[in-house]
Structures are given as structure tokens and as C-alpha cells.
Amino acid sequence: QVLLVESGGGFVQPGGSLRLSCAASGFTLGYYAIGWFRQAPGKEREGVSCISSSDGITNYSDSVKGRFTISRDNAKNTVYLQMNNLKPEDTAVYYCTVGGYWGQGTQVTVSS
């Protein structure tokens, strides 16, 4: 059974940091590209970042470039999203996705 479980969300003040994790089970994460998306209230889901399977090439949306870093630990079957210098507009539910599968999401709230 394929399962993706996000964790690490929470409440943080502007300028703070969080690290999200996406733990995979039921398949080998290292064979796949992985993406992080987010959905803010009243808005469509948007892509945040992705990382390729073989060579680790990363991409970021313009809104998070320079602040977020995606990485993967294939030995742990886990992908991370390090989020620094968080802004209120980063408030959203964050999802990881692999091969058409989605996790349940983790809430990130940035507010003073």
C-alpha cells in the first residue's frame, strides 16, 4: 500500500523556519521525482518545489526561491522541505506528491 505522510507543520512567526517531512511507504522513493505543493484558503493548489529522482535536480516557484530547500534521504525514504524566512503568504496546507499519490497535508501558519 502506497502511503505518503507529511509532518513538521505548525505555527511560526514571520521570519521563522520550519522543516517539513514526507515519509513514504509501500514503494522506493528514490526511483521517483517528488513534488511539494501547497493550498491556501480560497486559492488553488500551487506547486512549490520538486526534486528529480536520479540526479537531484531541484526546482522552485518564484515565490519561495532562495528561502525553501527541497532534499531527499533515500535511505530513510523521506523528502524534506526546509522553509526559512517564512512569510504570512506562505500560510497553507502543504502536500507532497509522488507518482500521482498525495499525502494528507500538513498545515503551516505564519503569523505574528
PDB file of N, CA and C in Angstrom:
ATOM      1  N   GLN A   1       0.847  -1.186   0.000  1.00  0.00           N
ATOM      2  CA  GLN A   1       0.000   0.000   0.000  1.00  0.00           C
ATOM      3  C   GLN A   1       0.888   1.243   0.000  1.00  0.00           C
ATOM      4  N   VAL A   2       0.641   2.114  -0.976  1.00  0.00           N
ATOM      5  CA  VAL A   2       1.401   3.349  -1.075  1.00  0.00           C
ATOM      6  C   VAL A   2       0.866   4.354  -0.072  1.00  0.00           C
ATOM      7  N   LEU A   3       1.766   4.934   0.691  1.00  0.00           N
ATOM      8  CA  LEU A   3       1.362   5.907   1.697  1.00  0.00           C
ATOM      9  C   LEU A   3       2.407   7.010   1.772  1.00  0.00           C
ATOM     10  N   LEU A   4       1.920   8.254   1.795  1.00  0.00           N
ATOM     11  CA  LEU A   4       2.774   9.430   1.992  1.00  0.00           C
ATOM     12  C   LEU A   4       2.255  10.165   3.213  1.00  0.00           C
ATOM     13  N   VAL A   5       3.137  10.449   4.143  1.00  0.00           N
ATOM     14  CA  VAL A   5       2.729  11.117   5.373  1.00  0.00           C
ATOM     15  C   VAL A   5       3.600  12.336   5.585  1.00  0.00           C
ATOM     16  N   GLU A   6       2.946  13.505   5.542  1.00  0.00           N
ATOM     17  CA  GLU A   6       3.658  14.750   5.804  1.00  0.00           C
ATOM     18  C   GLU A   6       3.638  15.078   7.291  1.00  0.00           C
ATOM     19  N   SER A   7       4.663  15.744   7.734  1.00  0.00           N
ATOM     20  CA  SER A   7       4.728  16.207   9.118  1.00  0.00           C
ATOM     21  C   SER A   7       5.632  17.425   9.194  1.00  0.00           C
ATOM     22  N   GLY A   8       5.624  18.073  10.344  1.00  0.00           N
ATOM     23  CA  GLY A   8       6.522  19.202  10.545  1.00  0.00           C
ATOM     24  C   GLY A   8       5.872  20.566  10.452  1.00  0.00           C
ATOM     25  N   GLY A   9       4.610  20.596  10.076  1.00  0.00           N
ATOM     26  CA  GLY A   9       3.927  21.875  10.008  1.00  0.00           C
ATOM     27  C   GLY A   9       3.685  22.453  11.393  1.00  0.00           C
ATOM     28  N   GLY A  10       3.211  23.668  11.411  1.00  0.00           N
ATOM     29  CA  GLY A  10       2.922  24.296  12.693  1.00  0.00           C
ATOM     30  C   GLY A  10       2.724  25.783  12.538  1.00  0.00           C
ATOM     31  N   PHE A  11       2.782  26.457  13.690  1.00  0.00           N
ATOM     32  CA  PHE A  11       2.602  27.898  13.740  1.00  0.00           C
ATOM     33  C   PHE A  11       3.967  28.545  13.958  1.00  0.00           C
ATOM     34  N   VAL A  12       4.268  29.547  13.159  1.00  0.00           N
ATOM     35  CA  VAL A  12       5.560  30.217  13.283  1.00  0.00           C
ATOM     36  C   VAL A  12       5.383  31.700  12.975  1.00  0.00           C
ATOM     37  N   GLN A  13       6.206  32.502  13.574  1.00  0.00           N
ATOM     38  CA  GLN A  13       6.162  33.939  13.308  1.00  0.00           C
ATOM     39  C   GLN A  13       6.893  34.262  12.009  1.00  0.00           C
ATOM     40  N   PRO A  14       6.556  35.378  11.397  1.00  0.00           N
ATOM     41  CA  PRO A  14       7.283  35.774  10.179  1.00  0.00           C
ATOM     42  C   PRO A  14       8.787  35.810  10.426  1.00  0.00           C
ATOM     43  N   GLY A  15       9.523  35.307   9.460  1.00  0.00           N
ATOM     44  CA  GLY A  15      10.968  35.210   9.592  1.00  0.00           C
ATOM     45  C   GLY A  15      11.441  33.901  10.179  1.00  0.00           C
ATOM     46  N   GLY A  16      10.519  33.112  10.670  1.00  0.00           N
ATOM     47  CA  GLY A  16      10.876  31.836  11.275  1.00  0.00           C
ATOM     48  C   GLY A  16      11.098  30.735  10.253  1.00  0.00           C
ATOM     49  N   SER A  17      11.381  29.549  10.768  1.00  0.00           N
ATOM     50  CA  SER A  17      11.695  28.406   9.910  1.00  0.00           C
ATOM     51  C   SER A  17      10.913  27.176  10.342  1.00  0.00           C
ATOM     52  N   LEU A  18      10.656  26.326   9.393  1.00  0.00           N
ATOM     53  CA  LEU A  18      10.075  25.014   9.637  1.00  0.00           C
ATOM     54  C   LEU A  18      10.701  24.034   8.656  1.00  0.00           C
ATOM     55  N   ARG A  19      10.754  22.779   9.065  1.00  0.00           N
ATOM     56  CA  ARG A  19      11.177  21.739   8.138  1.00  0.00           C
ATOM     57  C   ARG A  19      10.061  20.708   8.029  1.00  0.00           C
ATOM     58  N   LEU A  20       9.543  20.573   6.830  1.00  0.00           N
ATOM     59  CA  LEU A  20       8.514  19.579   6.564  1.00  0.00           C
ATOM     60  C   LEU A  20       9.165  18.273   6.127  1.00  0.00           C
ATOM     61  N   SER A  21       8.523  17.188   6.498  1.00  0.00           N
ATOM     62  CA  SER A  21       8.973  15.864   6.078  1.00  0.00           C
ATOM     63  C   SER A  21       7.842  15.158   5.350  1.00  0.00           C
ATOM     64  N   CYS A  22       8.220  14.340   4.413  1.00  0.00           N
ATOM     65  CA  CYS A  22       7.263  13.493   3.696  1.00  0.00           C
ATOM     66  C   CYS A  22       7.840  12.087   3.706  1.00  0.00           C
ATOM     67  N   ALA A  23       7.265  11.243   4.530  1.00  0.00           N
ATOM     68  CA  ALA A  23       7.730   9.874   4.659  1.00  0.00           C
ATOM     69  C   ALA A  23       6.897   8.962   3.776  1.00  0.00           C
ATOM     70  N   ALA A  24       7.577   8.169   2.984  1.00  0.00           N
ATOM     71  CA  ALA A  24       6.895   7.291   2.043  1.00  0.00           C
ATOM     72  C   ALA A  24       6.984   5.845   2.500  1.00  0.00           C
ATOM     73  N   SER A  25       5.951   5.098   2.215  1.00  0.00           N
ATOM     74  CA  SER A  25       5.959   3.659   2.470  1.00  0.00           C
ATOM     75  C   SER A  25       5.216   2.977   1.340  1.00  0.00           C
ATOM     76  N   GLY A  26       5.578   1.734   1.122  1.00  0.00           N
ATOM     77  CA  GLY A  26       4.918   0.970   0.078  1.00  0.00           C
ATOM     78  C   GLY A  26       5.605   1.049  -1.274  1.00  0.00           C
ATOM     79  N   PHE A  27       6.643   1.861  -1.371  1.00  0.00           N
ATOM     80  CA  PHE A  27       7.414   1.948  -2.592  1.00  0.00           C
ATOM     81  C   PHE A  27       8.750   2.601  -2.276  1.00  0.00           C
ATOM     82  N   THR A  28       9.679   2.529  -3.208  1.00  0.00           N
ATOM     83  CA  THR A  28      11.007   3.098  -3.006  1.00  0.00           C
ATOM     84  C   THR A  28      11.031   4.507  -3.568  1.00  0.00           C
ATOM     85  N   LEU A  29      11.131   5.455  -2.660  1.00  0.00           N
ATOM     86  CA  LEU A  29      11.043   6.859  -3.044  1.00  0.00           C
ATOM     87  C   LEU A  29      12.146   7.262  -4.009  1.00  0.00           C
ATOM     88  N   GLY A  30      13.297   6.645  -3.893  1.00  0.00           N
ATOM     89  CA  GLY A  30      14.449   7.056  -4.685  1.00  0.00           C
ATOM     90  C   GLY A  30      14.272   6.898  -6.187  1.00  0.00           C
ATOM     91  N   TYR A  31      13.302   6.121  -6.608  1.00  0.00           N
ATOM     92  CA  TYR A  31      13.079   5.905  -8.034  1.00  0.00           C
ATOM     93  C   TYR A  31      12.228   6.997  -8.686  1.00  0.00           C
ATOM     94  N   TYR A  32      11.710   7.913  -7.871  1.00  0.00           N
ATOM     95  CA  TYR A  32      10.714   8.850  -8.374  1.00  0.00           C
ATOM     96  C   TYR A  32      11.087  10.304  -8.108  1.00  0.00           C
ATOM     97  N   ALA A  33      10.608  11.170  -8.975  1.00  0.00           N
ATOM     98  CA  ALA A  33      10.644  12.600  -8.683  1.00  0.00           C
ATOM     99  C   ALA A  33       9.547  12.902  -7.668  1.00  0.00           C
ATOM    100  N   ILE A  34       9.808  13.882  -6.833  1.00  0.00           N
ATOM    101  CA  ILE A  34       8.870  14.217  -5.770  1.00  0.00           C
ATOM    102  C   ILE A  34       8.564  15.713  -5.815  1.00  0.00           C
ATOM    103  N   GLY A  35       7.339  16.050  -5.535  1.00  0.00           N
ATOM    104  CA  GLY A  35       6.948  17.456  -5.520  1.00  0.00           C
ATOM    105  C   GLY A  35       6.289  17.856  -4.221  1.00  0.00           C
ATOM    106  N   TRP A  36       6.440  19.117  -3.893  1.00  0.00           N
ATOM    107  CA  TRP A  36       5.706  19.734  -2.796  1.00  0.00           C
ATOM    108  C   TRP A  36       4.749  20.764  -3.396  1.00  0.00           C
ATOM    109  N   PHE A  37       3.520  20.715  -2.965  1.00  0.00           N
ATOM    110  CA  PHE A  37       2.511  21.684  -3.358  1.00  0.00           C
ATOM    111  C   PHE A  37       1.942  22.315  -2.089  1.00  0.00           C
ATOM    112  N   ARG A  38       1.226  23.399  -2.269  1.00  0.00           N
ATOM    113  CA  ARG A  38       0.534  23.998  -1.137  1.00  0.00           C
ATOM    114  C   ARG A  38      -0.789  24.579  -1.604  1.00  0.00           C
ATOM    115  N   GLN A  39      -1.699  24.685  -0.664  1.00  0.00           N
ATOM    116  CA  GLN A  39      -3.010  25.259  -0.957  1.00  0.00           C
ATOM    117  C   GLN A  39      -3.419  26.157   0.190  1.00  0.00           C
ATOM    118  N   ALA A  40      -3.556  27.432  -0.128  1.00  0.00           N
ATOM    119  CA  ALA A  40      -4.003  28.404   0.859  1.00  0.00           C
ATOM    120  C   ALA A  40      -5.519  28.501   0.804  1.00  0.00           C
ATOM    121  N   PRO A  41      -6.142  28.956   1.876  1.00  0.00           N
ATOM    122  CA  PRO A  41      -7.601  29.073   1.894  1.00  0.00           C
ATOM    123  C   PRO A  41      -8.107  29.920   0.735  1.00  0.00           C
ATOM    124  N   GLY A  42      -9.070  29.381   0.004  1.00  0.00           N
ATOM    125  CA  GLY A  42      -9.671  30.117  -1.086  1.00  0.00           C
ATOM    126  C   GLY A  42      -8.845  30.194  -2.349  1.00  0.00           C
ATOM    127  N   LYS A  43      -7.717  29.494  -2.364  1.00  0.00           N
ATOM    128  CA  LYS A  43      -6.833  29.526  -3.534  1.00  0.00           C
ATOM    129  C   LYS A  43      -6.628  28.134  -4.098  1.00  0.00           C
ATOM    130  N   GLU A  44      -6.174  28.111  -5.328  1.00  0.00           N
ATOM    131  CA  GLU A  44      -5.888  26.821  -5.951  1.00  0.00           C
ATOM    132  C   GLU A  44      -4.569  26.257  -5.431  1.00  0.00           C
ATOM    133  N   ARG A  45      -4.451  24.947  -5.526  1.00  0.00           N
ATOM    134  CA  ARG A  45      -3.205  24.303  -5.146  1.00  0.00           C
ATOM    135  C   ARG A  45      -2.108  24.735  -6.111  1.00  0.00           C
ATOM    136  N   GLU A  46      -0.950  25.049  -5.580  1.00  0.00           N
ATOM    137  CA  GLU A  46       0.155  25.512  -6.414  1.00  0.00           C
ATOM    138  C   GLU A  46       1.420  24.718  -6.124  1.00  0.00           C
ATOM    139  N   GLY A  47       2.226  24.561  -7.138  1.00  0.00           N
ATOM    140  CA  GLY A  47       3.493  23.873  -6.969  1.00  0.00           C
ATOM    141  C   GLY A  47       4.492  24.747  -6.250  1.00  0.00           C
ATOM    142  N   VAL A  48       5.237  24.149  -5.347  1.00  0.00           N
ATOM    143  CA  VAL A  48       6.238  24.874  -4.562  1.00  0.00           C
ATOM    144  C   VAL A  48       7.644  24.474  -4.980  1.00  0.00           C
ATOM    145  N   SER A  49       7.873  23.167  -5.042  1.00  0.00           N
ATOM    146  CA  SER A  49       9.217  22.694  -5.332  1.00  0.00           C
ATOM    147  C   SER A  49       9.149  21.243  -5.779  1.00  0.00           C
ATOM    148  N   CYS A  50      10.184  20.812  -6.489  1.00  0.00           N
ATOM    149  CA  CYS A  50      10.281  19.407  -6.861  1.00  0.00           C
ATOM    150  C   CYS A  50      11.748  19.024  -6.952  1.00  0.00           C
ATOM    151  N   ILE A  51      11.976  17.726  -6.870  1.00  0.00           N
ATOM    152  CA  ILE A  51      13.334  17.199  -6.958  1.00  0.00           C
ATOM    153  C   ILE A  51      13.299  15.944  -7.808  1.00  0.00           C
ATOM    154  N   SER A  52      14.253  15.826  -8.701  1.00  0.00           N
ATOM    155  CA  SER A  52      14.271  14.685  -9.606  1.00  0.00           C
ATOM    156  C   SER A  52      14.731  13.432  -8.880  1.00  0.00           C
ATOM    157  N   SER A  53      14.570  12.320  -9.559  1.00  0.00           N
ATOM    158  CA  SER A  53      14.881  11.048  -8.922  1.00  0.00           C
ATOM    159  C   SER A  53      16.368  10.722  -8.976  1.00  0.00           C
ATOM    160  N   SER A  54      16.973  10.840 -10.136  1.00  0.00           N
ATOM    161  CA  SER A  54      18.320  10.315 -10.315  1.00  0.00           C
ATOM    162  C   SER A  54      19.417  11.315  -9.966  1.00  0.00           C
ATOM    163  N   ASP A  55      19.298  12.535 -10.465  1.00  0.00           N
ATOM    164  CA  ASP A  55      20.402  13.471 -10.314  1.00  0.00           C
ATOM    165  C   ASP A  55      20.135  14.579  -9.305  1.00  0.00           C
ATOM    166  N   GLY A  56      18.987  14.541  -8.671  1.00  0.00           N
ATOM    167  CA  GLY A  56      18.711  15.500  -7.603  1.00  0.00           C
ATOM    168  C   GLY A  56      18.509  16.922  -8.057  1.00  0.00           C
ATOM    169  N   ILE A  57      18.159  17.115  -9.304  1.00  0.00           N
ATOM    170  CA  ILE A  57      17.890  18.463  -9.790  1.00  0.00           C
ATOM    171  C   ILE A  57      16.633  18.996  -9.111  1.00  0.00           C
ATOM    172  N   THR A  58      16.727  20.244  -8.665  1.00  0.00           N
ATOM    173  CA  THR A  58      15.620  20.844  -7.935  1.00  0.00           C
ATOM    174  C   THR A  58      15.039  22.037  -8.690  1.00  0.00           C
ATOM    175  N   ASN A  59      13.792  22.295  -8.421  1.00  0.00           N
ATOM    176  CA  ASN A  59      13.125  23.472  -8.971  1.00  0.00           C
ATOM    177  C   ASN A  59      12.251  24.090  -7.886  1.00  0.00           C
ATOM    178  N   TYR A  60      12.087  25.404  -8.000  1.00  0.00           N
ATOM    179  CA  TYR A  60      11.302  26.133  -7.012  1.00  0.00           C
ATOM    180  C   TYR A  60      10.412  27.154  -7.700  1.00  0.00           C
ATOM    181  N   SER A  61       9.277  27.418  -7.097  1.00  0.00           N
ATOM    182  CA  SER A  61       8.464  28.517  -7.588  1.00  0.00           C
ATOM    183  C   SER A  61       9.171  29.829  -7.244  1.00  0.00           C
ATOM    184  N   ASP A  62       8.862  30.840  -8.002  1.00  0.00           N
ATOM    185  CA  ASP A  62       9.497  32.136  -7.768  1.00  0.00           C
ATOM    186  C   ASP A  62       9.209  32.670  -6.362  1.00  0.00           C
ATOM    187  N   SER A  63       8.060  32.325  -5.839  1.00  0.00           N
ATOM    188  CA  SER A  63       7.657  32.867  -4.543  1.00  0.00           C
ATOM    189  C   SER A  63       8.466  32.302  -3.372  1.00  0.00           C
ATOM    190  N   VAL A  64       9.116  31.153  -3.582  1.00  0.00           N
ATOM    191  CA  VAL A  64       9.872  30.542  -2.470  1.00  0.00           C
ATOM    192  C   VAL A  64      11.358  30.410  -2.775  1.00  0.00           C
ATOM    193  N   LYS A  65      11.743  30.732  -3.988  1.00  0.00           N
ATOM    194  CA  LYS A  65      13.150  30.573  -4.385  1.00  0.00           C
ATOM    195  C   LYS A  65      14.047  31.380  -3.463  1.00  0.00           C
ATOM    196  N   GLY A  66      15.096  30.748  -2.998  1.00  0.00           N
ATOM    197  CA  GLY A  66      16.023  31.417  -2.093  1.00  0.00           C
ATOM    198  C   GLY A  66      15.667  31.274  -0.631  1.00  0.00           C
ATOM    199  N   ARG A  67      14.463  30.797  -0.358  1.00  0.00           N
ATOM    200  CA  ARG A  67      14.020  30.634   1.035  1.00  0.00           C
ATOM    201  C   ARG A  67      13.762  29.172   1.386  1.00  0.00           C
ATOM    202  N   PHE A  68      13.309  28.398   0.423  1.00  0.00           N
ATOM    203  CA  PHE A  68      12.971  26.990   0.652  1.00  0.00           C
ATOM    204  C   PHE A  68      14.028  26.106   0.001  1.00  0.00           C
ATOM    205  N   THR A  69      14.261  24.960   0.617  1.00  0.00           N
ATOM    206  CA  THR A  69      15.189  23.981   0.062  1.00  0.00           C
ATOM    207  C   THR A  69      14.575  22.591   0.158  1.00  0.00           C
ATOM    208  N   ILE A  70      14.492  21.924  -0.981  1.00  0.00           N
ATOM    209  CA  ILE A  70      13.989  20.551  -1.008  1.00  0.00           C
ATOM    210  C   ILE A  70      15.179  19.598  -1.005  1.00  0.00           C
ATOM    211  N   SER A  71      15.023  18.498  -0.300  1.00  0.00           N
ATOM    212  CA  SER A  71      16.081  17.492  -0.274  1.00  0.00           C
ATOM    213  C   SER A  71      15.448  16.133  -0.053  1.00  0.00           C
ATOM    214  N   ARG A  72      16.228  15.112  -0.268  1.00  0.00           N
ATOM    215  CA  ARG A  72      15.705  13.757  -0.096  1.00  0.00           C
ATOM    216  C   ARG A  72      16.739  12.901   0.599  1.00  0.00           C
ATOM    217  N   ASP A  73      16.267  11.970   1.387  1.00  0.00           N
ATOM    218  CA  ASP A  73      17.106  10.959   2.024  1.00  0.00           C
ATOM    219  C   ASP A  73      16.542   9.616   1.606  1.00  0.00           C
ATOM    220  N   ASN A  74      17.130   9.054   0.571  1.00  0.00           N
ATOM    221  CA  ASN A  74      16.589   7.811   0.028  1.00  0.00           C
ATOM    222  C   ASN A  74      16.697   6.658   1.027  1.00  0.00           C
ATOM    223  N   ALA A  75      17.698   6.704   1.874  1.00  0.00           N
ATOM    224  CA  ALA A  75      17.855   5.637   2.869  1.00  0.00           C
ATOM    225  C   ALA A  75      16.692   5.631   3.860  1.00  0.00           C
ATOM    226  N   LYS A  76      16.153   6.820   4.119  1.00  0.00           N
ATOM    227  CA  LYS A  76      15.023   6.938   5.034  1.00  0.00           C
ATOM    228  C   LYS A  76      13.691   6.992   4.288  1.00  0.00           C
ATOM    229  N   ASN A  77      13.766   6.948   2.958  1.00  0.00           N
ATOM    230  CA  ASN A  77      12.541   7.026   2.150  1.00  0.00           C
ATOM    231  C   ASN A  77      11.729   8.273   2.477  1.00  0.00           C
ATOM    232  N   THR A  78      12.440   9.388   2.632  1.00  0.00           N
ATOM    233  CA  THR A  78      11.823  10.626   3.095  1.00  0.00           C
ATOM    234  C   THR A  78      12.328  11.809   2.278  1.00  0.00           C
ATOM    235  N   VAL A  79      11.427  12.742   2.048  1.00  0.00           N
ATOM    236  CA  VAL A  79      11.760  14.004   1.394  1.00  0.00           C
ATOM    237  C   VAL A  79      11.482  15.131   2.370  1.00  0.00           C
ATOM    238  N   TYR A  80      12.305  16.162   2.289  1.00  0.00           N
ATOM    239  CA  TYR A  80      12.177  17.277   3.217  1.00  0.00           C
ATOM    240  C   TYR A  80      11.965  18.578   2.454  1.00  0.00           C
ATOM    241  N   LEU A  81      11.356  19.511   3.137  1.00  0.00           N
ATOM    242  CA  LEU A  81      11.255  20.872   2.620  1.00  0.00           C
ATOM    243  C   LEU A  81      11.640  21.804   3.762  1.00  0.00           C
ATOM    244  N   GLN A  82      12.845  22.342   3.676  1.00  0.00           N
ATOM    245  CA  GLN A  82      13.309  23.307   4.651  1.00  0.00           C
ATOM    246  C   GLN A  82      12.799  24.682   4.240  1.00  0.00           C
ATOM    247  N   MET A  83      12.070  25.317   5.130  1.00  0.00           N
ATOM    248  CA  MET A  83      11.458  26.609   4.822  1.00  0.00           C
ATOM    249  C   MET A  83      12.012  27.657   5.783  1.00  0.00           C
ATOM    250  N   ASN A  84      12.723  28.612   5.237  1.00  0.00           N
ATOM    251  CA  ASN A  84      13.309  29.685   6.031  1.00  0.00           C
ATOM    252  C   ASN A  84      12.682  31.027   5.670  1.00  0.00           C
ATOM    253  N   ASN A  85      12.866  31.979   6.553  1.00  0.00           N
ATOM    254  CA  ASN A  85      12.340  33.329   6.322  1.00  0.00           C
ATOM    255  C   ASN A  85      10.876  33.281   5.887  1.00  0.00           C
ATOM    256  N   LEU A  86      10.096  32.566   6.650  1.00  0.00           N
ATOM    257  CA  LEU A  86       8.692  32.375   6.302  1.00  0.00           C
ATOM    258  C   LEU A  86       7.918  33.678   6.360  1.00  0.00           C
ATOM    259  N   LYS A  87       6.956  33.784   5.465  1.00  0.00           N
ATOM    260  CA  LYS A  87       6.128  34.981   5.347  1.00  0.00           C
ATOM    261  C   LYS A  87       4.668  34.590   5.553  1.00  0.00           C
ATOM    262  N   PRO A  88       3.836  35.531   5.932  1.00  0.00           N
ATOM    263  CA  PRO A  88       2.407  35.214   6.103  1.00  0.00           C
ATOM    264  C   PRO A  88       1.783  34.596   4.851  1.00  0.00           C
ATOM    265  N   GLU A  89       2.257  34.985   3.695  1.00  0.00           N
ATOM    266  CA  GLU A  89       1.699  34.429   2.457  1.00  0.00           C
ATOM    267  C   GLU A  89       2.117  32.990   2.210  1.00  0.00           C
ATOM    268  N   ASP A  90       2.995  32.456   3.046  1.00  0.00           N
ATOM    269  CA  ASP A  90       3.340  31.039   2.961  1.00  0.00           C
ATOM    270  C   ASP A  90       2.329  30.166   3.712  1.00  0.00           C
ATOM    271  N   THR A  91       1.408  30.792   4.408  1.00  0.00           N
ATOM    272  CA  THR A  91       0.384  30.047   5.136  1.00  0.00           C
ATOM    273  C   THR A  91      -0.449  29.206   4.175  1.00  0.00           C
ATOM    274  N   ALA A  92      -0.489  27.909   4.425  1.00  0.00           N
ATOM    275  CA  ALA A  92      -1.189  26.980   3.535  1.00  0.00           C
ATOM    276  C   ALA A  92      -1.088  25.580   4.109  1.00  0.00           C
ATOM    277  N   VAL A  93      -1.833  24.679   3.501  1.00  0.00           N
ATOM    278  CA  VAL A  93      -1.622  23.261   3.744  1.00  0.00           C
ATOM    279  C   VAL A  93      -0.618  22.774   2.695  1.00  0.00           C
ATOM    280  N   TYR A  94       0.412  22.114   3.155  1.00  0.00           N
ATOM    281  CA  TYR A  94       1.476  21.645   2.281  1.00  0.00           C
ATOM    282  C   TYR A  94       1.336  20.145   2.057  1.00  0.00           C
ATOM    283  N   TYR A  95       1.450  19.752   0.787  1.00  0.00           N
ATOM    284  CA  TYR A  95       1.305  18.368   0.391  1.00  0.00           C
ATOM    285  C   TYR A  95       2.543  17.900  -0.365  1.00  0.00           C
ATOM    286  N   CYS A  96       2.904  16.656  -0.174  1.00  0.00           N
ATOM    287  CA  CYS A  96       3.893  16.051  -1.058  1.00  0.00           C
ATOM    288  C   CYS A  96       3.165  15.109  -2.013  1.00  0.00           C
ATOM    289  N   THR A  97       3.771  14.925  -3.170  1.00  0.00           N
ATOM    290  CA  THR A  97       3.159  14.072  -4.176  1.00  0.00           C
ATOM    291  C   THR A  97       4.233  13.313  -4.926  1.00  0.00           C
ATOM    292  N   VAL A  98       3.934  12.057  -5.194  1.00  0.00           N
ATOM    293  CA  VAL A  98       4.834  11.167  -5.917  1.00  0.00           C
ATOM    294  C   VAL A  98       3.995  10.234  -6.779  1.00  0.00           C
ATOM    295  N   GLY A  99       4.283  10.217  -8.069  1.00  0.00           N
ATOM    296  CA  GLY A  99       3.638   9.265  -8.959  1.00  0.00           C
ATOM    297  C   GLY A  99       2.128   9.274  -8.911  1.00  0.00           C
ATOM    298  N   GLY A 100       1.553  10.446  -8.695  1.00  0.00           N
ATOM    299  CA  GLY A 100       0.106  10.546  -8.660  1.00  0.00           C
ATOM    300  C   GLY A 100      -0.506  10.328  -7.292  1.00  0.00           C
ATOM    301  N   TYR A 101       0.304   9.965  -6.328  1.00  0.00           N
ATOM    302  CA  TYR A 101      -0.165   9.803  -4.954  1.00  0.00           C
ATOM    303  C   TYR A 101       0.082  11.089  -4.164  1.00  0.00           C
ATOM    304  N   TRP A 102      -0.825  11.346  -3.225  1.00  0.00           N
ATOM    305  CA  TRP A 102      -0.745  12.554  -2.407  1.00  0.00           C
ATOM    306  C   TRP A 102      -0.831  12.186  -0.937  1.00  0.00           C
ATOM    307  N   GLY A 103      -0.113  12.969  -0.131  1.00  0.00           N
ATOM    308  CA  GLY A 103      -0.273  12.817   1.301  1.00  0.00           C
ATOM    309  C   GLY A 103      -1.501  13.573   1.774  1.00  0.00           C
ATOM    310  N   GLN A 104      -1.698  13.553   3.096  1.00  0.00           N
ATOM    311  CA  GLN A 104      -2.884  14.195   3.663  1.00  0.00           C
ATOM    312  C   GLN A 104      -2.667  15.673   3.917  1.00  0.00           C
ATOM    313  N   GLY A 105      -1.416  16.107   3.862  1.00  0.00           N
ATOM    314  CA  GLY A 105      -1.107  17.511   4.045  1.00  0.00           C
ATOM    315  C   GLY A 105      -0.747  17.846   5.475  1.00  0.00           C
ATOM    316  N   THR A 106       0.004  18.925   5.623  1.00  0.00           N
ATOM    317  CA  THR A 106       0.360  19.439   6.942  1.00  0.00           C
ATOM    318  C   THR A 106       0.189  20.962   6.910  1.00  0.00           C
ATOM    319  N   GLN A 107      -0.425  21.490   7.949  1.00  0.00           N
ATOM    320  CA  GLN A 107      -0.760  22.910   7.985  1.00  0.00           C
ATOM    321  C   GLN A 107       0.447  23.733   8.418  1.00  0.00           C
ATOM    322  N   VAL A 108       0.709  24.791   7.667  1.00  0.00           N
ATOM    323  CA  VAL A 108       1.731  25.768   8.030  1.00  0.00           C
ATOM    324  C   VAL A 108       1.033  27.115   8.179  1.00  0.00           C
ATOM    325  N   THR A 109       1.196  27.720   9.326  1.00  0.00           N
ATOM    326  CA  THR A 109       0.603  29.026   9.579  1.00  0.00           C
ATOM    327  C   THR A 109       1.702  29.994   9.989  1.00  0.00           C
ATOM    328  N   VAL A 110       1.805  31.089   9.265  1.00  0.00           N
ATOM    329  CA  VAL A 110       2.814  32.110   9.549  1.00  0.00           C
ATOM    330  C   VAL A 110       2.086  33.388   9.930  1.00  0.00           C
ATOM    331  N   SER A 111       2.259  33.788  11.166  1.00  0.00           N
ATOM    332  CA  SER A 111       1.525  34.950  11.651  1.00  0.00           C
ATOM    333  C   SER A 111       2.217  35.528  12.867  1.00  0.00           C
ATOM    334  N   SER A 112       2.074  36.828  13.017  1.00  0.00           N
ATOM    335  CA  SER A 112       2.620  37.481  14.209  1.00  0.00           C
ATOM    336  C   SER A 112       1.548  37.594  15.288  1.00  0.00           C
TER     337      SER A 112
END
